[in-house]
C-alpha atoms as a PDB file:
ATOM      1  CA  MET A   1      23.751  33.293 -15.111  1.00  0.00           C
ATOM      2  CA  THR A   2      21.360  31.627 -12.632  1.00  0.00           C
ATOM      3  CA  SER A   3      20.342  29.002 -15.015  1.00  0.00           C
ATOM      4  CA  GLN A   4      24.187  27.926 -15.611  1.00  0.00           C
ATOM      5  CA  LYS A   5      24.711  27.798 -11.818  1.00  0.00           C
ATOM      6  CA  LEU A   6      21.708  25.485 -11.285  1.00  0.00           C
ATOM      7  CA  LEU A   7      22.906  23.167 -14.191  1.00  0.00           C
ATOM      8  CA  LEU A   8      26.234  22.921 -12.244  1.00  0.00           C
ATOM      9  CA  GLU A   9      24.466  22.071  -9.176  1.00  0.00           C
ATOM     10  CA  VAL A  10      22.327  19.379 -11.009  1.00  0.00           C
ATOM     11  CA  ARG A  11      25.383  17.680 -12.300  1.00  0.00           C
ATOM     12  CA  SER A  12      26.839  17.635  -8.745  1.00  0.00           C
ATOM     13  CA  MET A  13      23.884  16.214  -6.910  1.00  0.00           C
ATOM     14  CA  SER A  14      24.987  13.372  -4.801  1.00  0.00           C
ATOM     15  CA  SER A  15      22.803  13.204  -1.852  1.00  0.00           C
ATOM     16  CA  ALA A  16      18.970  13.471  -0.957  1.00  0.00           C
ATOM     17  CA  ASP A  17      19.430  16.667   0.734  1.00  0.00           C
ATOM     18  CA  SER A  18      21.276  18.247  -2.002  1.00  0.00           C
ATOM     19  CA  VAL A  19      18.211  17.150  -4.485  1.00  0.00           C
ATOM     20  CA  GLY A  20      15.579  18.470  -2.114  1.00  0.00           C
ATOM     21  CA  SER A  21      17.110  21.887  -1.632  1.00  0.00           C
ATOM     22  CA  LEU A  22      17.996  22.231  -5.454  1.00  0.00           C
ATOM     23  CA  LEU A  23      14.411  21.221  -6.184  1.00  0.00           C
ATOM     24  CA  ALA A  24      12.983  23.874  -3.905  1.00  0.00           C
ATOM     25  CA  ARG A  25      15.116  26.539  -5.627  1.00  0.00           C
ATOM     26  CA  ILE A  26      13.918  25.456  -9.062  1.00  0.00           C
ATOM     27  CA  ILE A  27      10.228  25.506  -8.076  1.00  0.00           C
ATOM     28  CA  SER A  28      10.711  28.920  -6.660  1.00  0.00           C
ATOM     29  CA  LEU A  29      12.358  30.169  -9.697  1.00  0.00           C
ATOM     30  CA  VAL A  30       9.522  28.701 -11.903  1.00  0.00           C
ATOM     31  CA  LYS A  31       6.852  30.341  -9.838  1.00  0.00           C
ATOM     32  CA  SER A  32       8.747  33.617  -9.824  1.00  0.00           C
ATOM     33  CA  GLU A  33       9.247  33.743 -13.642  1.00  0.00           C
ATOM     34  CA  ILE A  34       5.840  32.835 -14.561  1.00  0.00           C
ATOM     35  CA  SER A  35       4.490  35.866 -12.673  1.00  0.00           C
ATOM     36  CA  VAL A  36       6.503  38.122 -14.807  1.00  0.00           C
ATOM     37  CA  TYR A  37       4.625  40.232 -17.457  1.00  0.00           C
ATOM     38  CA  PRO A  38       5.470  40.529 -20.429  1.00  0.00           C
ATOM     39  CA  LEU A  39       6.616  36.819 -20.747  1.00  0.00           C
ATOM     40  CA  ARG A  40      10.294  36.431 -21.077  1.00  0.00           C
ATOM     41  CA  THR A  41      10.327  33.464 -23.375  1.00  0.00           C
ATOM     42  CA  HIS A  42      14.147  33.073 -23.301  1.00  0.00           C
ATOM     43  CA  GLU A  43      14.331  32.877 -19.614  1.00  0.00           C
ATOM     44  CA  LEU A  44      11.429  30.496 -19.403  1.00  0.00           C
ATOM     45  CA  CYS A  45      13.220  28.125 -21.953  1.00  0.00           C
ATOM     46  CA  LYS A  46      16.376  28.383 -19.721  1.00  0.00           C
ATOM     47  CA  ILE A  47      14.225  27.081 -16.708  1.00  0.00           C
ATOM     48  CA  SER A  48      12.573  24.347 -18.782  1.00  0.00           C
ATOM     49  CA  MET A  49      16.126  23.113 -19.667  1.00  0.00           C
ATOM     50  CA  VAL A  50      17.176  23.190 -16.084  1.00  0.00           C
ATOM     51  CA  CYS A  51      14.168  21.091 -15.083  1.00  0.00           C
ATOM     52  CA  GLY A  52      14.781  18.704 -17.751  1.00  0.00           C
ATOM     53  CA  ALA A  53      18.429  18.103 -16.518  1.00  0.00           C
ATOM     54  CA  PHE A  54      17.203  17.913 -13.061  1.00  0.00           C
ATOM     55  CA  CYS A  55      14.777  15.028 -13.959  1.00  0.00           C
ATOM     56  CA  ARG A  56      17.183  13.208 -16.090  1.00  0.00           C
ATOM     57  CA  SER A  57      19.863  13.200 -13.308  1.00  0.00           C
ATOM     58  CA  LEU A  58      17.303  12.272 -10.673  1.00  0.00           C
ATOM     59  CA  ALA A  59      16.117   9.292 -12.979  1.00  0.00           C
ATOM     60  CA  VAL A  60      19.504   7.518 -12.439  1.00  0.00           C
ATOM     61  CA  LEU A  61      20.313   8.732  -8.932  1.00  0.00           C
ATOM     62  CA  ASP A  62      20.349   5.875  -6.441  1.00  0.00           C
ATOM     63  CA  CYS A  63      21.015   7.729  -3.210  1.00  0.00           C
ATOM     64  CA  VAL A  64      17.308   9.239  -3.250  1.00  0.00           C
ATOM     65  CA  PRO A  65      14.529   7.053  -1.886  1.00  0.00           C
ATOM     66  CA  ALA A  66      11.762   6.043  -4.345  1.00  0.00           C
ATOM     67  CA  THR A  67       9.115   7.704  -2.207  1.00  0.00           C
ATOM     68  CA  ASP A  68      11.369  11.014  -2.281  1.00  0.00           C
ATOM     69  CA  VAL A  69      11.749  10.680  -6.167  1.00  0.00           C
ATOM     70  CA  ALA A  70       7.868  10.287  -6.567  1.00  0.00           C
ATOM     71  CA  LYS A  71       7.377  13.236  -4.353  1.00  0.00           C
ATOM     72  CA  HIS A  72       9.718  15.353  -6.344  1.00  0.00           C
ATOM     73  CA  ALA A  73       8.007  14.455  -9.629  1.00  0.00           C
ATOM     74  CA  GLN A  74       4.660  15.348  -8.144  1.00  0.00           C
ATOM     75  CA  LEU A  75       5.950  18.762  -7.097  1.00  0.00           C
ATOM     76  CA  LEU A  76       7.330  19.557 -10.435  1.00  0.00           C
ATOM     77  CA  SER A  77       4.150  18.507 -12.112  1.00  0.00           C
ATOM     78  CA  SER A  78       2.101  20.603  -9.829  1.00  0.00           C
ATOM     79  CA  ALA A  79       4.301  23.570 -10.355  1.00  0.00           C
ATOM     80  CA  PHE A  80       3.629  23.197 -14.251  1.00  0.00           C
ATOM     81  CA  GLY A  81       0.075  22.701 -13.824  1.00  0.00           C
ATOM     82  CA  ASP A  82      -0.559  26.293 -12.518  1.00  0.00           C
ATOM     83  CA  LEU A  83       0.652  27.933 -15.889  1.00  0.00           C
ATOM     84  CA  PRO A  84      -1.594  30.932 -16.597  1.00  0.00           C
ATOM     85  CA  SER A  85      -1.110  31.128 -20.266  1.00  0.00           C
ATOM     86  CA  SER A  86      -0.863  28.741 -23.243  1.00  0.00           C
ATOM     87  CA  ALA A  87       2.491  30.257 -24.216  1.00  0.00           C
ATOM     88  CA  GLN A  88       4.075  29.453 -21.007  1.00  0.00           C
ATOM     89  CA  ALA A  89       2.737  25.850 -21.151  1.00  0.00           C
ATOM     90  CA  THR A  90       4.141  25.474 -24.796  1.00  0.00           C
ATOM     91  CA  VAL A  91       7.545  26.640 -23.327  1.00  0.00           C
ATOM     92  CA  PHE A  92       7.449  24.102 -20.458  1.00  0.00           C
ATOM     93  CA  ALA A  93       6.225  21.138 -22.564  1.00  0.00           C
ATOM     94  CA  TYR A  94       9.971  20.011 -22.704  1.00  0.00           C
ATOM     95  CA  ALA A  95      10.108  20.026 -18.846  1.00  0.00           C
ATOM     96  CA  ILE A  96       6.639  18.285 -18.338  1.00  0.00           C
ATOM     97  CA  GLY A  97       7.973  15.665 -20.842  1.00  0.00           C
ATOM     98  CA  GLU A  98      11.000  15.039 -18.834  1.00  0.00           C
ATOM     99  CA  VAL A  99       8.990  14.608 -15.773  1.00  0.00           C
ATOM    100  CA  GLU A 100       7.040  11.735 -17.417  1.00  0.00           C
ATOM    101  CA  GLY A 101      10.304  10.359 -18.641  1.00  0.00           C
ATOM    102  CA  LEU A 102      11.605  10.276 -15.061  1.00  0.00           C
ATOM    103  CA  ARG A 103       8.711   8.317 -14.127  1.00  0.00           C
ATOM    104  CA  THR A 104       8.912   6.014 -17.029  1.00  0.00           C
ATOM    105  CA  THR A 105      12.624   5.346 -16.353  1.00  0.00           C
ATOM    106  CA  ARG A 106      11.878   4.514 -12.742  1.00  0.00           C
ATOM    107  CA  ARG A 107       9.008   2.297 -13.785  1.00  0.00           C
ATOM    108  CA  LEU A 108      11.035   0.423 -16.267  1.00  0.00           C
ATOM    109  CA  SER A 109      13.996  -0.192 -13.864  1.00  0.00           C
ATOM    110  CA  THR A 110      11.548  -1.388 -11.060  1.00  0.00           C
ATOM    111  CA  ARG A 111       9.864  -3.900 -13.348  1.00  0.00           C
ATOM    112  CA  GLN A 112      13.282  -5.170 -14.298  1.00  0.00           C
ATOM    113  CA  ARG A 113      14.227  -5.595 -10.555  1.00  0.00           C
ATOM    114  CA  ILE A 114      10.878  -7.523 -10.130  1.00  0.00           C
ATOM    115  CA  ASN A 115      11.690  -9.861 -13.027  1.00  0.00           C
ATOM    116  CA  ASP A 116      15.225 -10.423 -11.587  1.00  0.00           C
ATOM    117  CA  LEU A 117      13.691 -11.367  -8.232  1.00  0.00           C
ATOM    118  CA  THR A 118      11.077 -13.700  -9.511  1.00  0.00           C
ATOM    119  CA  ARG A 119      12.244 -15.205 -12.678  1.00  0.00           C
ATOM    120  CA  THR A 120      16.110 -15.937 -11.983  1.00  0.00           C
ATOM    121  CA  VAL A 121      15.285 -17.949  -8.838  1.00  0.00           C
ATOM    122  CA  PRO A 122      12.901 -20.665  -7.678  1.00  0.00           C
ATOM    123  CA  ALA A 123       9.598 -19.501  -6.523  1.00  0.00           C
ATOM    124  CA  SER A 124      10.270 -21.214  -3.133  1.00  0.00           C
ATOM    125  CA  LEU A 125      13.192 -18.928  -2.717  1.00  0.00           C
ATOM    126  CA  TRP A 126      11.560 -15.622  -3.516  1.00  0.00           C
ATOM    127  CA  ASN A 127      12.618 -12.785  -1.304  1.00  0.00           C
ATOM    128  CA  VAL A 128       9.047 -11.519  -0.425  1.00  0.00           C
ATOM    129  CA  GLU A 129      10.132  -8.430   1.313  1.00  0.00           C
ATOM    130  CA  ARG A 130      12.268  -7.067  -1.551  1.00  0.00           C
ATOM    131  CA  ILE A 131       9.478  -8.059  -3.899  1.00  0.00           C
ATOM    132  CA  THR A 132       6.826  -6.102  -1.862  1.00  0.00           C
ATOM    133  CA  ALA A 133       9.154  -3.233  -1.637  1.00  0.00           C
ATOM    134  CA  CYS A 134       9.608  -3.220  -5.423  1.00  0.00           C
ATOM    135  CA  LEU A 135       5.644  -3.423  -6.003  1.00  0.00           C
ATOM    136  CA  ARG A 136       5.289  -0.586  -3.675  1.00  0.00           C
ATOM    137  CA  GLU A 137       7.750   1.588  -5.656  1.00  0.00           C
ATOM    138  CA  LEU A 138       6.039   0.479  -8.829  1.00  0.00           C
ATOM    139  CA  SER A 139       2.887   1.936  -7.635  1.00  0.00           C
ATOM    140  CA  LEU A 140       4.392   5.198  -6.732  1.00  0.00           C
ATOM    141  CA  PHE A 141       5.569   5.698 -10.299  1.00  0.00           C
ATOM    142  CA  GLU A 142       2.453   4.391 -12.190  1.00  0.00           C
ATOM    143  CA  LYS A 143      -0.187   6.536 -10.497  1.00  0.00           C
ATOM    144  CA  SER A 144      -1.408   9.425 -12.483  1.00  0.00           C
ATOM    145  CA  PRO A 145      -1.671  12.660 -10.546  1.00  0.00           C
ATOM    146  CA  HIS A 146      -4.569  14.007 -12.609  1.00  0.00           C
ATOM    147  CA  ALA A 147      -6.550  10.565 -12.021  1.00  0.00           C
ATOM    148  CA  ARG A 148      -5.565  10.416  -8.467  1.00  0.00           C
ATOM    149  CA  LYS A 149      -7.202  13.817  -7.692  1.00  0.00           C
ATOM    150  CA  GLN A 150     -10.528  12.453  -9.033  1.00  0.00           C
ATOM    151  CA  SER A 151     -10.413   9.049  -7.426  1.00  0.00           C
ATOM    152  CA  HIS A 152     -10.591   9.790  -3.619  1.00  0.00           C
ATOM    153  CA  GLY A 153     -12.872   7.312  -2.032  1.00  0.00           C
ATOM    154  CA  PRO A 154     -15.445   5.041  -3.394  1.00  0.00           C
ATOM    155  CA  SER A 155     -17.973   6.299  -5.938  1.00  0.00           C
ATOM    156  CA  LYS A 156     -21.341   7.204  -4.622  1.00  0.00           C
ATOM    157  CA  ARG A 157     -23.965   4.490  -5.677  1.00  0.00           C
ATOM    158  CA  SER A 158     -27.527   5.389  -5.957  1.00  0.00           C
ATOM    159  CA  ARG A 159     -30.291   2.919  -5.285  1.00  0.00           C
ATOM    160  CA  ASP A 160     -33.820   3.562  -6.375  1.00  0.00           C
ATOM    161  CA  ALA A 161     -37.091   2.644  -4.770  1.00  0.00           C
ATOM    162  CA  PHE A 162     -37.130  -0.889  -6.608  1.00  0.00           C
ATOM    163  CA  GLU A 163     -33.907  -1.738  -4.769  1.00  0.00           C
ATOM    164  CA  THR A 164     -34.681  -0.329  -1.370  1.00  0.00           C
ATOM    165  CA  GLY A 165     -38.351  -0.885  -1.086  1.00  0.00           C
ATOM    166  CA  THR A 166     -38.875   2.831  -0.374  1.00  0.00           C
ATOM    167  CA  GLU A 167     -40.251   5.788  -2.236  1.00  0.00           C
ATOM    168  CA  GLY A 168     -36.909   7.763  -2.094  1.00  0.00           C
ATOM    169  CA  VAL A 169     -33.463   7.395  -3.398  1.00  0.00           C
ATOM    170  CA  LEU A 170     -30.601   6.387  -1.216  1.00  0.00           C
ATOM    171  CA  GLU A 171     -26.990   7.181  -1.870  1.00  0.00           C
ATOM    172  CA  THR A 172     -23.932   5.508  -0.357  1.00  0.00           C
ATOM    173  CA  VAL A 173     -22.220   8.146   1.774  1.00  0.00           C
ATOM    174  CA  ARG A 174     -20.094   5.993   4.042  1.00  0.00           C
ATOM    175  CA  TRP A 175     -17.981   2.951   3.209  1.00  0.00           C
ATOM    176  CA  GLN A 176     -16.177   0.822   5.832  1.00  0.00           C
ATOM    177  CA  GLN A 177     -13.837  -2.311   5.502  1.00  0.00           C
ATOM    178  CA  PRO A 178     -12.239  -4.079   8.405  1.00  0.00           C
ATOM    179  CA  LEU A 179      -8.358  -4.167   8.549  1.00  0.00           C
ATOM    180  CA  ARG A 180      -8.313  -7.968   8.690  1.00  0.00           C
ATOM    181  CA  ASP A 181      -6.497  -9.164   5.443  1.00  0.00           C
ATOM    182  CA  PRO A 182      -8.715 -11.795   3.634  1.00  0.00           C
ATOM    183  CA  LEU A 183      -5.663 -13.662   2.626  1.00  0.00           C
ATOM    184  CA  SER A 184      -3.675 -14.102   5.729  1.00  0.00           C
ATOM    185  CA  HIS A 185      -6.296 -13.021   8.351  1.00  0.00           C
ATOM    186  CA  ASP A 186      -3.822 -10.558   9.792  1.00  0.00           C
ATOM    187  CA  VAL A 187      -3.757  -7.023   9.912  1.00  0.00           C
ATOM    188  CA  ILE A 188      -3.541  -4.894   6.528  1.00  0.00           C
ATOM    189  CA  THR A 189      -0.319  -2.814   6.459  1.00  0.00           C
ATOM    190  CA  ILE A 190      -0.102  -2.061   2.748  1.00  0.00           C
ATOM    191  CA  PRO A 191      -3.441  -1.762   1.091  1.00  0.00           C
ATOM    192  CA  ALA A 192      -3.662  -2.925  -2.592  1.00  0.00           C
ATOM    193  CA  ARG A 193      -5.926  -4.283  -5.321  1.00  0.00           C
ATOM    194  CA  GLY A 194      -5.710  -5.223  -8.876  1.00  0.00           C
ATOM    195  CA  LEU A 195      -5.513  -2.808 -11.685  1.00  0.00           C
ATOM    196  CA  LEU A 196      -8.610  -4.168 -13.211  1.00  0.00           C
ATOM    197  CA  CYS A 197     -10.490  -4.690  -9.987  1.00  0.00           C
ATOM    198  CA  GLN A 198     -13.856  -2.779  -9.756  1.00  0.00           C
ATOM    199  CA  HIS A 199     -14.425  -3.099  -6.175  1.00  0.00           C
ATOM    200  CA  HIS A 200     -13.002  -0.788  -3.560  1.00  0.00           C
ATOM    201  CA  GLU A 201     -12.076  -3.266  -0.968  1.00  0.00           C
ATOM    202  CA  VAL A 202      -8.380  -3.850  -0.391  1.00  0.00           C
ATOM    203  CA  PHE A 203      -6.049  -6.729   0.622  1.00  0.00           C
ATOM    204  CA  ASP A 204      -2.516  -6.700   2.017  1.00  0.00           C
ATOM    205  CA  LEU A 205       0.342  -6.548  -0.701  1.00  0.00           C
ATOM    206  CA  ARG A 206       2.722  -8.752   1.198  1.00  0.00           C
ATOM    207  CA  SER A 207      -0.041 -11.429   1.701  1.00  0.00           C
ATOM    208  CA  PHE A 208      -0.720 -11.262  -2.140  1.00  0.00           C
ATOM    209  CA  VAL A 209       2.925 -11.765  -2.938  1.00  0.00           C
ATOM    210  CA  ARG A 210       3.134 -14.947  -0.696  1.00  0.00           C
ATOM    211  CA  ALA A 211      -0.128 -16.104  -2.334  1.00  0.00           C
ATOM    212  CA  VAL A 212       1.432 -15.748  -5.949  1.00  0.00           C
ATOM    213  CA  GLN A 213       4.516 -17.509  -4.587  1.00  0.00           C
ATOM    214  CA  GLN A 214       2.355 -20.465  -3.232  1.00  0.00           C
ATOM    215  CA  VAL A 215       0.770 -20.799  -6.653  1.00  0.00           C
ATOM    216  CA  ALA A 216       4.064 -20.530  -8.593  1.00  0.00           C
ATOM    217  CA  VAL A 217       5.500 -23.329  -6.250  1.00  0.00           C
ATOM    218  CA  ARG A 218       2.509 -25.555  -6.648  1.00  0.00           C
ATOM    219  CA  SER A 219       2.473 -24.910 -10.474  1.00  0.00           C
ATOM    220  CA  GLY A 220       6.122 -25.778 -10.799  1.00  0.00           C
ATOM    221  CA  ASP A 221       5.942 -28.892  -8.812  1.00  0.00           C
ATOM    222  CA  ALA A 222       2.918 -30.010 -10.902  1.00  0.00           C
ATOM    223  CA  VAL A 223       4.683 -29.462 -14.184  1.00  0.00           C
ATOM    224  CA  GLU A 224       7.694 -31.286 -13.004  1.00  0.00           C
ATOM    225  CA  MET A 225       5.626 -34.341 -11.886  1.00  0.00           C
ATOM    226  CA  VAL A 226       3.878 -34.431 -15.409  1.00  0.00           C
ATOM    227  CA  MET A 227       6.920 -34.082 -17.554  1.00  0.00           C
ATOM    228  CA  GLY A 228       9.037 -36.322 -15.323  1.00  0.00           C
ATOM    229  CA  GLN A 229      11.902 -33.928 -15.294  1.00  0.00           C
ATOM    230  CA  HIS A 230      12.995 -30.667 -13.502  1.00  0.00           C
ATOM    231  CA  TRP A 231      13.628 -27.249 -14.837  1.00  0.00           C
ATOM    232  CA  SER A 232      17.151 -26.526 -15.912  1.00  0.00           C
ATOM    233  CA  THR A 233      17.337 -23.942 -13.050  1.00  0.00           C
ATOM    234  CA  GLY A 234      15.064 -25.890 -10.631  1.00  0.00           C
ATOM    235  CA  CYS A 235      16.267 -26.946  -7.325  1.00  0.00           C
ATOM    236  CA  ASN A 236      15.198 -30.553  -6.593  1.00  0.00           C
ATOM    237  CA  GLY A 237      11.596 -30.282  -5.466  1.00  0.00           C
ATOM    238  CA  MET A 238      11.668 -26.826  -4.410  1.00  0.00           C
ATOM    239  CA  GLY A 239       9.568 -25.584  -7.221  1.00  0.00           C
ATOM    240  CA  GLY A 240      10.815 -24.693 -10.685  1.00  0.00           C
ATOM    241  CA  ARG A 241      11.239 -21.304 -12.339  1.00  0.00           C
ATOM    242  CA  ALA A 242       7.885 -19.427 -12.714  1.00  0.00           C
ATOM    243  CA  ASP A 243       6.902 -18.242 -16.171  1.00  0.00           C
ATOM    244  CA  ASP A 244       4.486 -15.654 -17.226  1.00  0.00           C
ATOM    245  CA  ALA A 245       1.368 -17.844 -16.754  1.00  0.00           C
ATOM    246  CA  VAL A 246       2.180 -18.655 -13.185  1.00  0.00           C
ATOM    247  CA  LEU A 247       2.907 -15.227 -11.722  1.00  0.00           C
ATOM    248  CA  ALA A 248      -0.642 -14.474 -10.688  1.00  0.00           C
ATOM    249  CA  ALA A 249      -3.089 -15.204  -8.207  1.00  0.00           C
ATOM    250  CA  PRO A 250      -6.890 -14.687  -7.838  1.00  0.00           C
ATOM    251  CA  CYS A 251      -8.329 -11.633  -6.001  1.00  0.00           C
ATOM    252  CA  ALA A 252      -9.701 -12.487  -2.720  1.00  0.00           C
ATOM    253  CA  PHE A 253     -13.006 -10.333  -3.318  1.00  0.00           C
ATOM    254  CA  CYS A 254     -13.774 -10.854  -7.086  1.00  0.00           C
ATOM    255  CA  GLY A 255     -11.908 -13.787  -8.007  1.00  0.00           C
ATOM    256  CA  GLN A 256     -10.267 -12.193 -10.993  1.00  0.00           C
ATOM    257  CA  SER A 257      -6.711 -13.411 -11.796  1.00  0.00           C
ATOM    258  CA  ILE A 258      -4.154 -10.659 -10.825  1.00  0.00           C
ATOM    259  CA  GLY A 259      -0.592 -10.575 -12.340  1.00  0.00           C
ATOM    260  CA  LEU A 260       2.115  -9.904  -9.876  1.00  0.00           C
ATOM    261  CA  GLN A 261       2.970  -6.758 -11.638  1.00  0.00           C
ATOM    262  CA  SER A 262      -0.617  -5.688 -11.979  1.00  0.00           C
ATOM    263  CA  VAL A 263      -1.337  -5.038  -8.291  1.00  0.00           C
ATOM    264  CA  ARG A 264      -1.240  -1.408  -7.123  1.00  0.00           C
ATOM    265  CA  VAL A 265      -1.260   0.063  -3.713  1.00  0.00           C
ATOM    266  CA  ASP A 266      -4.062   2.516  -2.711  1.00  0.00           C
ATOM    267  CA  GLU A 267      -2.188   5.681  -1.724  1.00  0.00           C
ATOM    268  CA  SER A 268      -5.170   7.379  -0.219  1.00  0.00           C
ATOM    269  CA  ILE A 269      -5.874   4.555   2.244  1.00  0.00           C
ATOM    270  CA  MET A 270      -1.977   4.231   2.902  1.00  0.00           C
ATOM    271  CA  GLU A 271      -1.801   7.952   3.878  1.00  0.00           C
ATOM    272  CA  ALA A 272      -4.670   7.469   6.353  1.00  0.00           C
ATOM    273  CA  MET A 273      -2.857   4.598   7.935  1.00  0.00           C
ATOM    274  CA  GLN A 274       0.253   6.702   8.102  1.00  0.00           C
ATOM    275  CA  ARG A 275      -1.548   9.481   9.752  1.00  0.00           C
ATOM    276  CA  HIS A 276      -3.144   7.173  12.186  1.00  0.00           C
ATOM    277  CA  LEU A 277       0.341   5.788  13.216  1.00  0.00           C
ATOM    278  CA  ASP A 278       1.700   9.379  13.347  1.00  0.00           C
ATOM    279  CA  ASN A 279      -1.013  10.287  15.949  1.00  0.00           C
ATOM    280  CA  GLY A 280      -0.173   7.381  18.214  1.00  0.00           C
ATOM    281  CA  GLY A 281      -2.653   4.873  16.856  1.00  0.00           C
ATOM    282  CA  VAL A 282      -2.149   1.226  16.236  1.00  0.00           C
ATOM    283  CA  LEU A 283      -3.258  -0.908  13.319  1.00  0.00           C
ATOM    284  CA  VAL A 284      -5.079  -3.961  14.691  1.00  0.00           C
ATOM    285  CA  VAL A 285      -7.249  -6.745  13.017  1.00  0.00           C
ATOM    286  CA  GLU A 286     -10.319  -5.371  14.827  1.00  0.00           C
ATOM    287  CA  GLY A 287      -9.940  -1.871  13.360  1.00  0.00           C
ATOM    288  CA  SER A 288     -11.501  -0.601  10.130  1.00  0.00           C
ATOM    289  CA  VAL A 289     -10.795   1.951   7.461  1.00  0.00           C
ATOM    290  CA  VAL A 290     -13.797   4.320   6.819  1.00  0.00           C
ATOM    291  CA  TRP A 291     -14.509   6.618   4.072  1.00  0.00           C
ATOM    292  CA  ASP A 292     -16.989   9.487   4.747  1.00  0.00           C
ATOM    293  CA  ALA A 293     -18.406  11.198   1.797  1.00  0.00           C
ATOM    294  CA  ALA A 294     -19.204  14.221   3.816  1.00  0.00           C
ATOM    295  CA  SER A 295     -15.633  14.999   4.750  1.00  0.00           C
ATOM    296  CA  GLU A 296     -13.995  13.198   1.702  1.00  0.00           C
ATOM    297  CA  VAL A 297     -11.415  11.673   3.709  1.00  0.00           C
ATOM    298  CA  TYR A 298     -10.263   8.289   4.973  1.00  0.00           C
ATOM    299  CA  CYS A 299      -9.839   7.479   8.627  1.00  0.00           C
ATOM    300  CA  ILE A 300      -8.726   4.509  10.625  1.00  0.00           C
ATOM    301  CA  ILE A 301     -11.134   3.517  13.637  1.00  0.00           C
ATOM    302  CA  GLU A 302      -9.983   1.128  16.259  1.00  0.00           C
ATOM    303  CA  ARG A 303     -12.560  -0.967  17.753  1.00  0.00           C
ATOM    304  CA  LYS A 304     -12.931  -0.120  21.503  1.00  0.00           C
ATOM    305  CA  LYS A 305     -11.672  -2.885  23.889  1.00  0.00           C
ATOM    306  CA  PRO A 306     -14.460  -4.952  25.429  1.00  0.00           C
ATOM    307  CA  ALA A 307     -15.393  -4.304  29.078  1.00  0.00           C
ATOM    308  CA  GLU A 308     -13.361  -6.237  31.413  1.00  0.00           C
ATOM    309  CA  GLU A 309     -15.050  -9.260  32.612  1.00  0.00           C
ATOM    310  CA  ALA A 310     -16.379  -9.054  36.201  1.00  0.00           C
ATOM    311  CA  LYS A 311     -14.055 -10.812  38.727  1.00  0.00           C
ATOM    312  CA  VAL A 312     -15.699 -13.052  41.243  1.00  0.00           C
ATOM    313  CA  GLU A 313     -13.668 -13.316  44.439  1.00  0.00           C
ATOM    314  CA  VAL A 314     -14.519 -15.765  47.075  1.00  0.00           C
ATOM    315  CA  VAL A 315     -13.595 -14.718  50.602  1.00  0.00           C
ATOM    316  CA  VAL A 316     -13.307 -17.567  53.137  1.00  0.00           C
ATOM    317  CA  THR A 317     -13.595 -16.415  56.777  1.00  0.00           C
ATOM    318  CA  ASP A 318     -13.234 -18.386  60.003  1.00  0.00           C
ATOM    319  CA  ASP A 319     -16.872 -18.514  60.293  1.00  0.00           C
ATOM    320  CA  THR A 320     -17.249 -20.210  57.076  1.00  0.00           C
ATOM    321  CA  LEU A 321     -14.508 -22.732  57.861  1.00  0.00           C
ATOM    322  CA  ALA A 322     -16.242 -23.401  61.278  1.00  0.00           C
ATOM    323  CA  SER A 323     -19.641 -24.008  59.594  1.00  0.00           C
ATOM    324  CA  GLU A 324     -18.181 -26.372  57.170  1.00  0.00           C
ATOM    325  CA  THR A 325     -16.323 -28.404  59.746  1.00  0.00           C
ATOM    326  CA  SER A 326     -19.377 -28.623  61.981  1.00  0.00           C
ATOM    327  CA  ARG A 327     -21.535 -30.291  59.277  1.00  0.00           C
ATOM    328  CA  PRO A 328     -21.958 -33.947  60.022  1.00  0.00           C
ATOM    329  CA  ARG A 329     -20.524 -36.428  57.502  1.00  0.00           C
ATOM    330  CA  ARG A 330     -22.140 -39.722  56.473  1.00  0.00           C
ATOM    331  CA  GLU A 331     -20.162 -42.755  56.217  1.00  0.00           C
ATOM    332  CA  VAL A 332     -20.394 -44.907  53.155  1.00  0.00           C
ATOM    333  CA  ARG A 333     -18.947 -48.368  53.048  1.00  0.00           C
ATOM    334  CA  ILE A 334     -18.577 -49.998  49.574  1.00  0.00           C
ATOM    335  CA  GLY A 335     -16.787 -53.250  50.036  1.00  0.00           C
ATOM    336  CA  ASP A 336     -13.537 -52.648  52.006  1.00  0.00           C
ATOM    337  CA  HIS A 337     -13.592 -48.968  51.002  1.00  0.00           C
ATOM    338  CA  VAL A 338     -14.933 -46.310  53.296  1.00  0.00           C
ATOM    339  CA  LEU A 339     -16.014 -42.977  51.906  1.00  0.00           C
ATOM    340  CA  PHE A 340     -17.416 -39.716  53.697  1.00  0.00           C
ATOM    341  CA  ALA A 341     -20.075 -37.604  52.221  1.00  0.00           C
ATOM    342  CA  ASP A 342     -21.585 -34.275  53.419  1.00  0.00           C
ATOM    343  CA  GLU A 343     -25.074 -34.178  54.633  1.00  0.00           C
END
């Protein structure tokens, strides 16, 4: 009976609050049922069906922000990842597949929105903010929860005696990068890198979108000059419609060409930035993001303001004025001009 009520609530979900409260009840039901022994396979199947219906409804629900949808999918995956027996895992295989189906549906719809924003309008008229938001959403649904747990921070790199000139072996235990974006020279607000980039350094996602836009505009103008004609959807010198080969820009660190839909946000650094802002901090160009291998956590460090320059104050007293006025002046005549100089 509980499963039927939950199915009715799933069909009537219409707000972010209703989705959140229903998800909490579903997860609570999952945890309580998997702790029952002996296994009640029929009840587990019912709960799995409810989870699948929840994911299918959430995939097409527009009233829930993308960040919340990603968190809901992560919570469900975590609940299914703690199953104590293989029999329970088999029963919940359907629900696990529906969670991945939720991510896939959102990913495909986000890619389609990016295509609509970049391929149906001239590159010079791109809405950079909306494209950046879509790429941010794409990163949320394309990250693998299992891989993310194993990729916190840069990997330690051992250096032998040949590299260091010493007898021991050194390991990288601290990594630091300035918050100055190499593309715009402004502060990094959304840290990102290419999918195939092997380095750990990040650039700003919004600046990268602008860089791709500039490449697309220049490429469209160059093609129009060579062909002697505008694209069918061009806008008279404002850059033609970009194609697949144009929607890319080189990485600011390794120089590798990164496609517009092949850039991903570093969620770990993003979370560290958000914690820093929540604690009253400010993201500044002079700051740095630091990874410490001992604590295995990112943190943001603001550079201390330099000491104020010493102020030199000149105090003029009556004695000073009297001494200056009492000095004799020498008269210098140059032609018809008369100048007075202090001795």
